[in-house]
Amino acid sequence: MRLIDVLVHKKCLTSPPIWMMRQAGRYLPEYKQVRKNYDDFIQFCFSVDDVVKITLQPVQRFPLDAAIIFSDILVIPHVLGQRVWFEPDHGPKLEKVDFSKLLSNAGQVSLEQALAPVADAISKTRALLDPTKALIGFAGAPWTLLTYMISNGKTADFNTVLDFAATNPELFAQLQELLEEKVAELLCLHISAGANVVQIFESWAMAVSKASRETYLYEPLRRIVASVRVKYPNTPIIYYARGVSADYAKLQDLDIAFGVDETADIVDLRAHLPNAVLQGNLSPHKLLSGDFEEDLERILSGMNGTPHVFNLGHGINKDTPVAHVERMIEVVQNYRE
């Protein structure tokens, strides 16, 4: 597997392995055909046969190096007892709950049992997937999950979660500890079911002040990585944290790969992280517009001769033309120094 060659063995390939965040999704017409059968998105994520179908669609259409299981980071709060649903043109919504009660009930929740359909879908996908291609599992990091849980959905300013953390520090710390445990458990579930790689999404890292990043972002990350490695010491882990890539240097001792968002200069970052595997980071907006050739050349030439996984800086835009994706992959896979 080319992705494993880079993530584990840190091989420097002239044409890097490529996959895309949100590659199994609504920019594909075949995805839309399946999605219209479900009013409830969470139900969709637990429908094994269709999850397998959706996960495989991008690797059947494009010569990608990996599939990422079709799921959602919010399955964790959902199975913990906070109902999750998705509204058109808005995104996720989460019901208001008593977090003290959620904590007290958490011990009764078996993640393995509740998420058995997800594990089943991973196993079935791995069995059908080309053995030369990797299968990626994933989870949201505690801070990012808490932004949704406490704000009752997507938030623009993060004031609600920041105020909660400041005014309820003990309860916030207990929730964070619970989520650390469940995130590690979910990642291990994905690996045991057949995932070759796992990625931790810290999508809202930029909302955390520098003074609080150790407490809210990096100490939980360290504990999660350590917990996963007790069971699966050889499975590569990718950490994708938006807006804080300048901090990656302080996390090098974890020996994980780093996903770089589109606001950062991955070539400049390489100079500060000479030995780390870096993933990224073409702007999804550039891919959407089709005006990406110059950016693509800079990334590929600047990262050439280093351990690099090509990806977007964030999830692919739902309106991206399929032809643009085909052209991007062609350029990446035909690249030579």
C-alpha atoms as a PDB file:
ATOM      1  CA  MET A   1       0.000   0.000   0.000  1.00  0.00           C
ATOM      2  CA  ARG A   2       1.500   3.304  -1.087  1.00  0.00           C
ATOM      3  CA  LEU A   3      -0.151   5.199   1.763  1.00  0.00           C
ATOM      4  CA  ILE A   4       1.343   2.827   4.338  1.00  0.00           C
ATOM      5  CA  ASP A   5       4.737   3.082   2.633  1.00  0.00           C
ATOM      6  CA  VAL A   6       4.741   6.795   3.360  1.00  0.00           C
ATOM      7  CA  LEU A   7       3.007   6.860   6.756  1.00  0.00           C
ATOM      8  CA  VAL A   8       4.912   3.959   8.307  1.00  0.00           C
ATOM      9  CA  HIS A   9       8.158   3.695   6.361  1.00  0.00           C
ATOM     10  CA  LYS A  10       8.386   7.398   5.453  1.00  0.00           C
ATOM     11  CA  LYS A  11       9.187   6.620   1.855  1.00  0.00           C
ATOM     12  CA  CYS A  12       9.627   9.621  -0.421  1.00  0.00           C
ATOM     13  CA  LEU A  13       7.647   8.877  -3.560  1.00  0.00           C
ATOM     14  CA  THR A  14       7.923  11.091  -6.633  1.00  0.00           C
ATOM     15  CA  SER A  15       4.157  10.942  -7.023  1.00  0.00           C
ATOM     16  CA  PRO A  16       2.714  10.944  -3.495  1.00  0.00           C
ATOM     17  CA  PRO A  17      -0.216   8.791  -2.407  1.00  0.00           C
ATOM     18  CA  ILE A  18      -3.488  10.674  -2.699  1.00  0.00           C
ATOM     19  CA  TRP A  19      -6.887  10.649  -1.035  1.00  0.00           C
ATOM     20  CA  MET A  20      -9.350  13.439  -0.233  1.00  0.00           C
ATOM     21  CA  MET A  21     -11.163  14.385   2.916  1.00  0.00           C
ATOM     22  CA  ARG A  22     -14.908  13.915   2.326  1.00  0.00           C
ATOM     23  CA  GLN A  23     -14.103  12.012  -0.861  1.00  0.00           C
ATOM     24  CA  ALA A  24     -17.156   9.798  -0.273  1.00  0.00           C
ATOM     25  CA  GLY A  25     -19.812  12.442  -0.542  1.00  0.00           C
ATOM     26  CA  ARG A  26     -22.186  14.776  -2.217  1.00  0.00           C
ATOM     27  CA  TYR A  27     -20.033  16.007  -5.100  1.00  0.00           C
ATOM     28  CA  LEU A  28     -20.548  12.552  -6.649  1.00  0.00           C
ATOM     29  CA  PRO A  29     -23.782  11.893  -8.566  1.00  0.00           C
ATOM     30  CA  GLU A  30     -23.746   8.241  -7.495  1.00  0.00           C
ATOM     31  CA  TYR A  31     -23.633   9.341  -3.852  1.00  0.00           C
ATOM     32  CA  LYS A  32     -26.678  11.580  -4.336  1.00  0.00           C
ATOM     33  CA  GLN A  33     -28.622   8.644  -5.737  1.00  0.00           C
ATOM     34  CA  VAL A  34     -28.109   6.694  -2.514  1.00  0.00           C
ATOM     35  CA  ARG A  35     -28.444   9.673  -0.144  1.00  0.00           C
ATOM     36  CA  LYS A  36     -31.946  10.537  -1.331  1.00  0.00           C
ATOM     37  CA  ASN A  37     -33.184   7.286   0.204  1.00  0.00           C
ATOM     38  CA  TYR A  38     -32.559   8.607   3.728  1.00  0.00           C
ATOM     39  CA  ASP A  39     -34.234  11.426   5.612  1.00  0.00           C
ATOM     40  CA  ASP A  40     -32.116  10.697   8.677  1.00  0.00           C
ATOM     41  CA  PHE A  41     -28.381  11.115   8.092  1.00  0.00           C
ATOM     42  CA  ILE A  42     -27.387   9.194  11.225  1.00  0.00           C
ATOM     43  CA  GLN A  43     -29.540   6.280  10.082  1.00  0.00           C
ATOM     44  CA  PHE A  44     -27.643   6.483   6.784  1.00  0.00           C
ATOM     45  CA  CYS A  45     -24.337   6.194   8.669  1.00  0.00           C
ATOM     46  CA  PHE A  46     -25.569   2.976  10.346  1.00  0.00           C
ATOM     47  CA  SER A  47     -26.873   1.338   7.148  1.00  0.00           C
ATOM     48  CA  VAL A  48     -24.129  -1.175   6.513  1.00  0.00           C
ATOM     49  CA  ASP A  49     -24.618  -2.054   2.846  1.00  0.00           C
ATOM     50  CA  ASP A  50     -25.002   1.551   1.749  1.00  0.00           C
ATOM     51  CA  VAL A  51     -22.039   2.664   3.874  1.00  0.00           C
ATOM     52  CA  VAL A  52     -19.913   0.081   2.073  1.00  0.00           C
ATOM     53  CA  LYS A  53     -21.258   1.227  -1.292  1.00  0.00           C
ATOM     54  CA  ILE A  54     -20.613   4.915  -0.569  1.00  0.00           C
ATOM     55  CA  THR A  55     -17.134   4.264   0.823  1.00  0.00           C
ATOM     56  CA  LEU A  56     -16.096   2.386  -2.306  1.00  0.00           C
ATOM     57  CA  GLN A  57     -17.610   4.825  -4.842  1.00  0.00           C
ATOM     58  CA  PRO A  58     -14.645   7.243  -5.020  1.00  0.00           C
ATOM     59  CA  VAL A  59     -12.014   4.501  -5.354  1.00  0.00           C
ATOM     60  CA  GLN A  60     -14.102   2.849  -8.050  1.00  0.00           C
ATOM     61  CA  ARG A  61     -14.328   6.119  -9.970  1.00  0.00           C
ATOM     62  CA  PHE A  62     -10.837   7.540  -9.334  1.00  0.00           C
ATOM     63  CA  PRO A  63      -7.375   5.921  -8.954  1.00  0.00           C
ATOM     64  CA  LEU A  64      -7.040   6.991  -5.303  1.00  0.00           C
ATOM     65  CA  ASP A  65      -4.682   5.285  -2.869  1.00  0.00           C
ATOM     66  CA  ALA A  66      -7.154   4.957  -0.016  1.00  0.00           C
ATOM     67  CA  ALA A  67     -10.807   4.777   0.930  1.00  0.00           C
ATOM     68  CA  ILE A  68     -12.101   6.460   4.081  1.00  0.00           C
ATOM     69  CA  ILE A  69     -15.072   4.830   5.755  1.00  0.00           C
ATOM     70  CA  PHE A  70     -18.289   6.766   5.306  1.00  0.00           C
ATOM     71  CA  SER A  71     -19.407   7.852   8.764  1.00  0.00           C
ATOM     72  CA  ASP A  72     -19.542  11.001  10.892  1.00  0.00           C
ATOM     73  CA  ILE A  73     -17.615  12.245  13.908  1.00  0.00           C
ATOM     74  CA  LEU A  74     -20.935  12.846  15.715  1.00  0.00           C
ATOM     75  CA  VAL A  75     -21.778   9.165  16.087  1.00  0.00           C
ATOM     76  CA  ILE A  76     -20.080   9.360  19.507  1.00  0.00           C
ATOM     77  CA  PRO A  77     -22.384  11.978  21.090  1.00  0.00           C
ATOM     78  CA  HIS A  78     -25.314  10.267  19.385  1.00  0.00           C
ATOM     79  CA  VAL A  79     -24.663   6.895  21.015  1.00  0.00           C
ATOM     80  CA  LEU A  80     -23.907   8.607  24.345  1.00  0.00           C
ATOM     81  CA  GLY A  81     -27.477   9.866  24.382  1.00  0.00           C
ATOM     82  CA  GLN A  82     -27.424  13.283  22.716  1.00  0.00           C
ATOM     83  CA  ARG A  83     -29.617  13.032  19.651  1.00  0.00           C
ATOM     84  CA  VAL A  84     -28.033  14.236  16.411  1.00  0.00           C
ATOM     85  CA  TRP A  85     -29.794  15.206  13.204  1.00  0.00           C
ATOM     86  CA  PHE A  86     -28.908  17.173  10.088  1.00  0.00           C
ATOM     87  CA  GLU A  87     -30.907  20.045   8.637  1.00  0.00           C
ATOM     88  CA  PRO A  88     -30.684  21.041   4.952  1.00  0.00           C
ATOM     89  CA  ASP A  89     -28.391  24.019   4.302  1.00  0.00           C
ATOM     90  CA  HIS A  90     -27.412  24.134   7.963  1.00  0.00           C
ATOM     91  CA  GLY A  91     -25.637  20.967   8.983  1.00  0.00           C
ATOM     92  CA  PRO A  92     -25.694  19.074  12.281  1.00  0.00           C
ATOM     93  CA  LYS A  93     -28.020  19.883  15.139  1.00  0.00           C
ATOM     94  CA  LEU A  94     -27.747  18.312  18.596  1.00  0.00           C
ATOM     95  CA  GLU A  95     -30.447  18.289  21.244  1.00  0.00           C
ATOM     96  CA  LYS A  96     -29.959  20.134  24.519  1.00  0.00           C
ATOM     97  CA  VAL A  97     -29.092  17.695  27.268  1.00  0.00           C
ATOM     98  CA  ASP A  98     -28.150  17.647  30.936  1.00  0.00           C
ATOM     99  CA  PHE A  99     -24.429  16.910  30.686  1.00  0.00           C
ATOM    100  CA  SER A 100     -24.206  15.706  34.278  1.00  0.00           C
ATOM    101  CA  LYS A 101     -26.858  13.125  33.444  1.00  0.00           C
ATOM    102  CA  LEU A 102     -25.089  12.204  30.198  1.00  0.00           C
ATOM    103  CA  LEU A 103     -21.914  11.568  32.198  1.00  0.00           C
ATOM    104  CA  SER A 104     -23.685   9.423  34.765  1.00  0.00           C
ATOM    105  CA  ASN A 105     -25.327   7.350  32.014  1.00  0.00           C
ATOM    106  CA  ALA A 106     -22.172   6.948  29.932  1.00  0.00           C
ATOM    107  CA  GLY A 107     -21.043   3.885  31.847  1.00  0.00           C
ATOM    108  CA  GLN A 108     -24.082   2.014  30.597  1.00  0.00           C
ATOM    109  CA  VAL A 109     -23.183   2.651  26.941  1.00  0.00           C
ATOM    110  CA  SER A 110     -21.214  -0.016  25.093  1.00  0.00           C
ATOM    111  CA  LEU A 111     -19.576   1.719  22.149  1.00  0.00           C
ATOM    112  CA  GLU A 112     -18.700  -1.640  20.651  1.00  0.00           C
ATOM    113  CA  GLN A 113     -22.335  -2.712  20.718  1.00  0.00           C
ATOM    114  CA  ALA A 114     -23.805   0.639  19.673  1.00  0.00           C
ATOM    115  CA  LEU A 115     -21.406   1.018  16.766  1.00  0.00           C
ATOM    116  CA  ALA A 116     -21.425  -2.604  15.624  1.00  0.00           C
ATOM    117  CA  PRO A 117     -22.903  -1.568  12.233  1.00  0.00           C
ATOM    118  CA  VAL A 118     -19.935   0.758  11.673  1.00  0.00           C
ATOM    119  CA  ALA A 119     -17.483  -2.033  12.453  1.00  0.00           C
ATOM    120  CA  ASP A 120     -19.415  -4.378  10.181  1.00  0.00           C
ATOM    121  CA  ALA A 121     -19.257  -1.841   7.341  1.00  0.00           C
ATOM    122  CA  ILE A 122     -15.496  -1.460   7.806  1.00  0.00           C
ATOM    123  CA  SER A 123     -14.956  -5.216   7.713  1.00  0.00           C
ATOM    124  CA  LYS A 124     -17.056  -5.613   4.591  1.00  0.00           C
ATOM    125  CA  THR A 125     -15.371  -2.658   2.900  1.00  0.00           C
ATOM    126  CA  ARG A 126     -11.900  -3.999   3.681  1.00  0.00           C
ATOM    127  CA  ALA A 127     -12.864  -7.356   2.176  1.00  0.00           C
ATOM    128  CA  LEU A 128     -14.015  -5.718  -1.066  1.00  0.00           C
ATOM    129  CA  LEU A 129     -11.324  -3.066  -1.340  1.00  0.00           C
ATOM    130  CA  ASP A 130      -8.297  -3.597  -3.578  1.00  0.00           C
ATOM    131  CA  PRO A 131      -5.579  -4.976  -1.243  1.00  0.00           C
ATOM    132  CA  THR A 132      -3.123  -2.378  -2.546  1.00  0.00           C
ATOM    133  CA  LYS A 133      -5.357   0.422  -1.232  1.00  0.00           C
ATOM    134  CA  ALA A 134      -5.586   1.476   2.405  1.00  0.00           C
ATOM    135  CA  LEU A 135      -8.783   1.855   4.391  1.00  0.00           C
ATOM    136  CA  ILE A 136      -8.937   4.843   6.727  1.00  0.00           C
ATOM    137  CA  GLY A 137     -10.971   5.042   9.925  1.00  0.00           C
ATOM    138  CA  PHE A 138     -11.452   8.248  11.885  1.00  0.00           C
ATOM    139  CA  ALA A 139     -12.858  10.074  14.880  1.00  0.00           C
ATOM    140  CA  GLY A 140     -13.361  13.654  15.965  1.00  0.00           C
ATOM    141  CA  ALA A 141     -11.112  14.912  18.760  1.00  0.00           C
ATOM    142  CA  PRO A 142     -12.698  15.798  22.139  1.00  0.00           C
ATOM    143  CA  TRP A 143     -12.542  19.572  21.725  1.00  0.00           C
ATOM    144  CA  THR A 144     -14.206  19.466  18.312  1.00  0.00           C
ATOM    145  CA  LEU A 145     -16.892  17.080  19.558  1.00  0.00           C
ATOM    146  CA  LEU A 146     -17.568  19.350  22.532  1.00  0.00           C
ATOM    147  CA  THR A 147     -18.011  22.401  20.295  1.00  0.00           C
ATOM    148  CA  TYR A 148     -20.955  20.609  18.688  1.00  0.00           C
ATOM    149  CA  MET A 149     -22.312  19.063  21.869  1.00  0.00           C
ATOM    150  CA  ILE A 150     -22.304  22.231  23.952  1.00  0.00           C
ATOM    151  CA  SER A 151     -23.321  24.603  21.128  1.00  0.00           C
ATOM    152  CA  ASN A 152     -26.090  22.189  20.031  1.00  0.00           C
ATOM    153  CA  GLY A 153     -24.698  22.109  16.523  1.00  0.00           C
ATOM    154  CA  LYS A 154     -22.415  24.043  14.264  1.00  0.00           C
ATOM    155  CA  THR A 155     -21.253  27.374  15.672  1.00  0.00           C
ATOM    156  CA  ALA A 156     -19.811  30.474  14.051  1.00  0.00           C
ATOM    157  CA  ASP A 157     -18.155  32.106  17.060  1.00  0.00           C
ATOM    158  CA  PHE A 158     -17.562  29.306  19.631  1.00  0.00           C
ATOM    159  CA  ASN A 159     -18.715  31.631  22.439  1.00  0.00           C
ATOM    160  CA  THR A 160     -21.041  29.032  23.947  1.00  0.00           C
ATOM    161  CA  VAL A 161     -18.406  26.323  24.312  1.00  0.00           C
ATOM    162  CA  LEU A 162     -15.706  28.759  25.465  1.00  0.00           C
ATOM    163  CA  ASP A 163     -18.039  30.232  28.093  1.00  0.00           C
ATOM    164  CA  PHE A 164     -19.036  26.734  29.245  1.00  0.00           C
ATOM    165  CA  ALA A 165     -15.391  25.700  29.621  1.00  0.00           C
ATOM    166  CA  ALA A 166     -14.633  28.862  31.629  1.00  0.00           C
ATOM    167  CA  THR A 167     -17.681  28.733  33.915  1.00  0.00           C
ATOM    168  CA  ASN A 168     -17.948  24.949  34.344  1.00  0.00           C
ATOM    169  CA  PRO A 169     -14.309  23.829  34.353  1.00  0.00           C
ATOM    170  CA  GLU A 170     -14.865  20.661  36.371  1.00  0.00           C
ATOM    171  CA  LEU A 171     -17.810  19.467  34.274  1.00  0.00           C
ATOM    172  CA  PHE A 172     -15.977  20.390  31.076  1.00  0.00           C
ATOM    173  CA  ALA A 173     -12.918  18.395  32.192  1.00  0.00           C
ATOM    174  CA  GLN A 174     -15.131  15.383  32.974  1.00  0.00           C
ATOM    175  CA  LEU A 175     -16.736  15.554  29.539  1.00  0.00           C
ATOM    176  CA  GLN A 176     -13.324  15.880  27.929  1.00  0.00           C
ATOM    177  CA  GLU A 177     -12.083  12.823  29.825  1.00  0.00           C
ATOM    178  CA  LEU A 178     -15.141  10.815  28.758  1.00  0.00           C
ATOM    179  CA  LEU A 179     -14.613  11.765  25.128  1.00  0.00           C
ATOM    180  CA  GLU A 180     -10.909  10.943  25.254  1.00  0.00           C
ATOM    181  CA  GLU A 181     -11.880   7.446  26.343  1.00  0.00           C
ATOM    182  CA  LYS A 182     -14.595   7.071  23.695  1.00  0.00           C
ATOM    183  CA  VAL A 183     -12.501   8.513  20.856  1.00  0.00           C
ATOM    184  CA  ALA A 184      -9.678   6.083  21.609  1.00  0.00           C
ATOM    185  CA  GLU A 185     -12.226   3.263  21.841  1.00  0.00           C
ATOM    186  CA  LEU A 186     -13.749   4.224  18.485  1.00  0.00           C
ATOM    187  CA  LEU A 187     -10.354   4.381  16.769  1.00  0.00           C
ATOM    188  CA  CYS A 188      -9.492   0.937  18.139  1.00  0.00           C
ATOM    189  CA  LEU A 189     -12.871  -0.343  16.945  1.00  0.00           C
ATOM    190  CA  HIS A 190     -12.100   0.916  13.444  1.00  0.00           C
ATOM    191  CA  ILE A 191      -8.666  -0.694  13.463  1.00  0.00           C
ATOM    192  CA  SER A 192      -9.906  -4.028  14.814  1.00  0.00           C
ATOM    193  CA  ALA A 193     -12.565  -4.077  12.088  1.00  0.00           C
ATOM    194  CA  GLY A 194     -10.010  -3.593   9.320  1.00  0.00           C
ATOM    195  CA  ALA A 195      -8.881   0.044   9.068  1.00  0.00           C
ATOM    196  CA  ASN A 196      -5.200   0.324   8.123  1.00  0.00           C
ATOM    197  CA  VAL A 197      -4.895   3.982   9.142  1.00  0.00           C
ATOM    198  CA  VAL A 198      -6.843   6.286  11.465  1.00  0.00           C
ATOM    199  CA  GLN A 199      -7.206  10.052  11.345  1.00  0.00           C
ATOM    200  CA  ILE A 200      -8.140  12.302  14.265  1.00  0.00           C
ATOM    201  CA  PHE A 201     -10.091  15.380  13.181  1.00  0.00           C
ATOM    202  CA  GLU A 202      -9.605  18.516  15.286  1.00  0.00           C
ATOM    203  CA  SER A 203     -11.618  20.656  12.901  1.00  0.00           C
ATOM    204  CA  TRP A 204     -12.156  23.570  15.295  1.00  0.00           C
ATOM    205  CA  ALA A 205      -8.695  23.810  16.841  1.00  0.00           C
ATOM    206  CA  MET A 206      -8.396  27.438  15.751  1.00  0.00           C
ATOM    207  CA  ALA A 207     -11.027  28.469  18.323  1.00  0.00           C
ATOM    208  CA  VAL A 208      -8.695  27.608  21.209  1.00  0.00           C
ATOM    209  CA  SER A 209      -6.327  30.297  22.479  1.00  0.00           C
ATOM    210  CA  LYS A 210      -2.620  29.515  22.560  1.00  0.00           C
ATOM    211  CA  ALA A 211      -2.723  29.528  26.356  1.00  0.00           C
ATOM    212  CA  SER A 212      -5.357  26.778  26.418  1.00  0.00           C
ATOM    213  CA  ARG A 213      -4.153  24.538  23.601  1.00  0.00           C
ATOM    214  CA  GLU A 214      -2.193  22.157  25.808  1.00  0.00           C
ATOM    215  CA  THR A 215      -5.225  21.592  28.042  1.00  0.00           C
ATOM    216  CA  TYR A 216      -7.928  21.383  25.393  1.00  0.00           C
ATOM    217  CA  LEU A 217      -6.055  20.005  22.383  1.00  0.00           C
ATOM    218  CA  TYR A 218      -2.650  18.450  22.927  1.00  0.00           C
ATOM    219  CA  GLU A 219      -2.870  16.715  26.310  1.00  0.00           C
ATOM    220  CA  PRO A 220      -6.056  14.881  25.179  1.00  0.00           C
ATOM    221  CA  LEU A 221      -4.346  14.025  21.884  1.00  0.00           C
ATOM    222  CA  ARG A 222      -1.363  12.538  23.693  1.00  0.00           C
ATOM    223  CA  ARG A 223      -3.582  10.387  25.880  1.00  0.00           C
ATOM    224  CA  ILE A 224      -5.645   9.182  22.920  1.00  0.00           C
ATOM    225  CA  VAL A 225      -2.553   8.278  20.886  1.00  0.00           C
ATOM    226  CA  ALA A 226      -1.041   6.449  23.863  1.00  0.00           C
ATOM    227  CA  SER A 227      -4.270   4.535  24.464  1.00  0.00           C
ATOM    228  CA  VAL A 228      -4.560   3.448  20.812  1.00  0.00           C
ATOM    229  CA  ARG A 229      -0.919   2.382  20.691  1.00  0.00           C
ATOM    230  CA  VAL A 230      -1.303   0.097  23.680  1.00  0.00           C
ATOM    231  CA  LYS A 231      -3.504  -2.095  21.466  1.00  0.00           C
ATOM    232  CA  TYR A 232      -2.283  -1.176  17.995  1.00  0.00           C
ATOM    233  CA  PRO A 233       1.316   0.075  18.189  1.00  0.00           C
ATOM    234  CA  ASN A 234       1.936  -0.206  14.453  1.00  0.00           C
ATOM    235  CA  THR A 235      -1.186   1.455  13.038  1.00  0.00           C
ATOM    236  CA  PRO A 236      -0.356   4.915  11.646  1.00  0.00           C
ATOM    237  CA  ILE A 237      -2.236   7.902  13.025  1.00  0.00           C
ATOM    238  CA  ILE A 238      -2.850  11.181  11.203  1.00  0.00           C
ATOM    239  CA  TYR A 239      -3.688  14.300  13.211  1.00  0.00           C
ATOM    240  CA  TYR A 240      -5.559  16.993  11.313  1.00  0.00           C
ATOM    241  CA  ALA A 241      -5.985  20.225  13.276  1.00  0.00           C
ATOM    242  CA  ARG A 242      -7.216  23.330  11.481  1.00  0.00           C
ATOM    243  CA  GLY A 243      -5.476  26.614  12.149  1.00  0.00           C
ATOM    244  CA  VAL A 244      -2.704  25.423  14.477  1.00  0.00           C
ATOM    245  CA  SER A 245      -0.149  23.801  12.170  1.00  0.00           C
ATOM    246  CA  ALA A 246       2.547  26.089  13.581  1.00  0.00           C
ATOM    247  CA  ASP A 247       2.253  24.015  16.777  1.00  0.00           C
ATOM    248  CA  TYR A 248       2.964  20.693  15.092  1.00  0.00           C
ATOM    249  CA  ALA A 249       6.662  20.953  15.901  1.00  0.00           C
ATOM    250  CA  LYS A 250       5.912  20.471  19.599  1.00  0.00           C
ATOM    251  CA  LEU A 251       4.071  17.221  18.820  1.00  0.00           C
ATOM    252  CA  GLN A 252       6.833  15.533  16.815  1.00  0.00           C
ATOM    253  CA  ASP A 253       7.655  13.139  19.651  1.00  0.00           C
ATOM    254  CA  LEU A 254       4.283  11.431  19.067  1.00  0.00           C
ATOM    255  CA  ASP A 255       5.530  10.064  15.728  1.00  0.00           C
ATOM    256  CA  ILE A 256       2.249  10.771  13.965  1.00  0.00           C
ATOM    257  CA  ALA A 257       1.517  12.265  10.560  1.00  0.00           C
ATOM    258  CA  PHE A 258       0.178  15.808  10.365  1.00  0.00           C
ATOM    259  CA  GLY A 259      -2.655  16.986   8.146  1.00  0.00           C
ATOM    260  CA  VAL A 260      -2.151  20.568   6.990  1.00  0.00           C
ATOM    261  CA  ASP A 261      -5.079  22.860   6.264  1.00  0.00           C
ATOM    262  CA  GLU A 262      -5.295  25.178   3.272  1.00  0.00           C
ATOM    263  CA  THR A 263      -4.448  28.338   5.248  1.00  0.00           C
ATOM    264  CA  ALA A 264      -0.927  27.106   5.977  1.00  0.00           C
ATOM    265  CA  ASP A 265       2.098  26.936   3.693  1.00  0.00           C
ATOM    266  CA  ILE A 266       2.951  23.248   3.702  1.00  0.00           C
ATOM    267  CA  VAL A 267       6.273  23.839   1.953  1.00  0.00           C
ATOM    268  CA  ASP A 268       7.337  26.323   4.630  1.00  0.00           C
ATOM    269  CA  LEU A 269       6.091  23.951   7.334  1.00  0.00           C
ATOM    270  CA  ARG A 270       8.254  21.176   5.890  1.00  0.00           C
ATOM    271  CA  ALA A 271      11.343  23.214   6.783  1.00  0.00           C
ATOM    272  CA  HIS A 272      10.313  23.089  10.454  1.00  0.00           C
ATOM    273  CA  LEU A 273       9.280  19.425  10.345  1.00  0.00           C
ATOM    274  CA  PRO A 274      11.951  17.790   8.184  1.00  0.00           C
ATOM    275  CA  ASN A 275      11.271  14.218   9.311  1.00  0.00           C
ATOM    276  CA  ALA A 276       7.517  14.197   9.804  1.00  0.00           C
ATOM    277  CA  VAL A 277       4.974  12.900   7.318  1.00  0.00           C
ATOM    278  CA  LEU A 278       2.887  15.841   6.135  1.00  0.00           C
ATOM    279  CA  GLN A 279      -0.498  15.542   4.454  1.00  0.00           C
ATOM    280  CA  GLY A 280      -2.162  18.190   2.318  1.00  0.00           C
ATOM    281  CA  ASN A 281      -2.983  20.743   1.322  1.00  0.00           C
ATOM    282  CA  LEU A 282      -4.593  22.052  -1.899  1.00  0.00           C
ATOM    283  CA  SER A 283      -7.397  24.518  -1.211  1.00  0.00           C
ATOM    284  CA  PRO A 284     -10.829  22.960  -1.815  1.00  0.00           C
ATOM    285  CA  HIS A 285     -11.890  26.330  -3.213  1.00  0.00           C
ATOM    286  CA  LYS A 286      -9.131  26.216  -5.808  1.00  0.00           C
ATOM    287  CA  LEU A 287     -10.207  22.715  -6.783  1.00  0.00           C
ATOM    288  CA  LEU A 288     -13.793  23.944  -7.049  1.00  0.00           C
ATOM    289  CA  SER A 289     -12.825  26.835  -9.329  1.00  0.00           C
ATOM    290  CA  GLY A 290     -10.467  24.754 -11.463  1.00  0.00           C
ATOM    291  CA  ASP A 291      -7.688  27.301 -10.996  1.00  0.00           C
ATOM    292  CA  PHE A 292      -5.356  24.969  -9.099  1.00  0.00           C
ATOM    293  CA  GLU A 293      -2.484  24.111 -11.437  1.00  0.00           C
ATOM    294  CA  GLU A 294      -0.019  26.658 -10.008  1.00  0.00           C
ATOM    295  CA  ASP A 295      -0.801  25.716  -6.400  1.00  0.00           C
ATOM    296  CA  LEU A 296      -0.532  22.048  -7.250  1.00  0.00           C
ATOM    297  CA  GLU A 297       2.889  22.536  -8.819  1.00  0.00           C
ATOM    298  CA  ARG A 298       4.148  24.452  -5.770  1.00  0.00           C
ATOM    299  CA  ILE A 299       2.993  21.742  -3.371  1.00  0.00           C
ATOM    300  CA  LEU A 300       4.331  18.850  -5.425  1.00  0.00           C
ATOM    301  CA  SER A 301       7.683  20.449  -6.201  1.00  0.00           C
ATOM    302  CA  GLY A 302       8.115  21.811  -2.674  1.00  0.00           C
ATOM    303  CA  MET A 303       7.322  18.477  -1.032  1.00  0.00           C
ATOM    304  CA  ASN A 304       9.230  16.334  -3.526  1.00  0.00           C
ATOM    305  CA  GLY A 305      11.847  14.133  -1.898  1.00  0.00           C
ATOM    306  CA  THR A 306      10.041  14.177   1.443  1.00  0.00           C
ATOM    307  CA  PRO A 307       7.409  11.885   3.029  1.00  0.00           C
ATOM    308  CA  HIS A 308       4.199  13.464   1.743  1.00  0.00           C
ATOM    309  CA  VAL A 309       0.572  12.380   1.374  1.00  0.00           C
ATOM    310  CA  PHE A 310      -1.370  14.536  -1.058  1.00  0.00           C
ATOM    311  CA  ASN A 311      -4.768  15.732   0.100  1.00  0.00           C
ATOM    312  CA  LEU A 312      -6.910  18.837   0.224  1.00  0.00           C
ATOM    313  CA  GLY A 313      -6.596  21.363   3.017  1.00  0.00           C
ATOM    314  CA  HIS A 314     -10.154  20.565   4.090  1.00  0.00           C
ATOM    315  CA  GLY A 315     -13.092  18.511   2.839  1.00  0.00           C
ATOM    316  CA  ILE A 316     -13.958  18.657  -0.855  1.00  0.00           C
ATOM    317  CA  ASN A 317     -16.663  21.206  -1.696  1.00  0.00           C
ATOM    318  CA  LYS A 318     -20.023  19.652  -2.590  1.00  0.00           C
ATOM    319  CA  ASP A 319     -20.207  21.622  -5.864  1.00  0.00           C
ATOM    320  CA  THR A 320     -16.800  20.530  -7.159  1.00  0.00           C
ATOM    321  CA  PRO A 321     -16.972  19.264 -10.754  1.00  0.00           C
ATOM    322  CA  VAL A 322     -15.880  15.660 -11.108  1.00  0.00           C
ATOM    323  CA  ALA A 323     -13.674  16.704 -14.045  1.00  0.00           C
ATOM    324  CA  HIS A 324     -11.621  18.918 -11.719  1.00  0.00           C
ATOM    325  CA  VAL A 325     -10.994  15.975  -9.407  1.00  0.00           C
ATOM    326  CA  GLU A 326      -9.952  13.806 -12.337  1.00  0.00           C
ATOM    327  CA  ARG A 327      -7.498  16.449 -13.537  1.00  0.00           C
ATOM    328  CA  MET A 328      -6.009  16.975 -10.062  1.00  0.00           C
ATOM    329  CA  ILE A 329      -5.429  13.243  -9.558  1.00  0.00           C
ATOM    330  CA  GLU A 330      -3.910  12.937 -13.022  1.00  0.00           C
ATOM    331  CA  VAL A 331      -1.408  15.709 -12.323  1.00  0.00           C
ATOM    332  CA  VAL A 332      -0.469  14.280  -8.912  1.00  0.00           C
ATOM    333  CA  GLN A 333      -0.028  10.736 -10.165  1.00  0.00           C
ATOM    334  CA  ASN A 334       1.960  11.750 -13.249  1.00  0.00           C
ATOM    335  CA  TYR A 335       4.219  14.076 -11.302  1.00  0.00           C
ATOM    336  CA  ARG A 336       7.945  13.637 -11.617  1.00  0.00           C
ATOM    337  CA  GLU A 337      10.665  15.899 -10.357  1.00  0.00           C
END
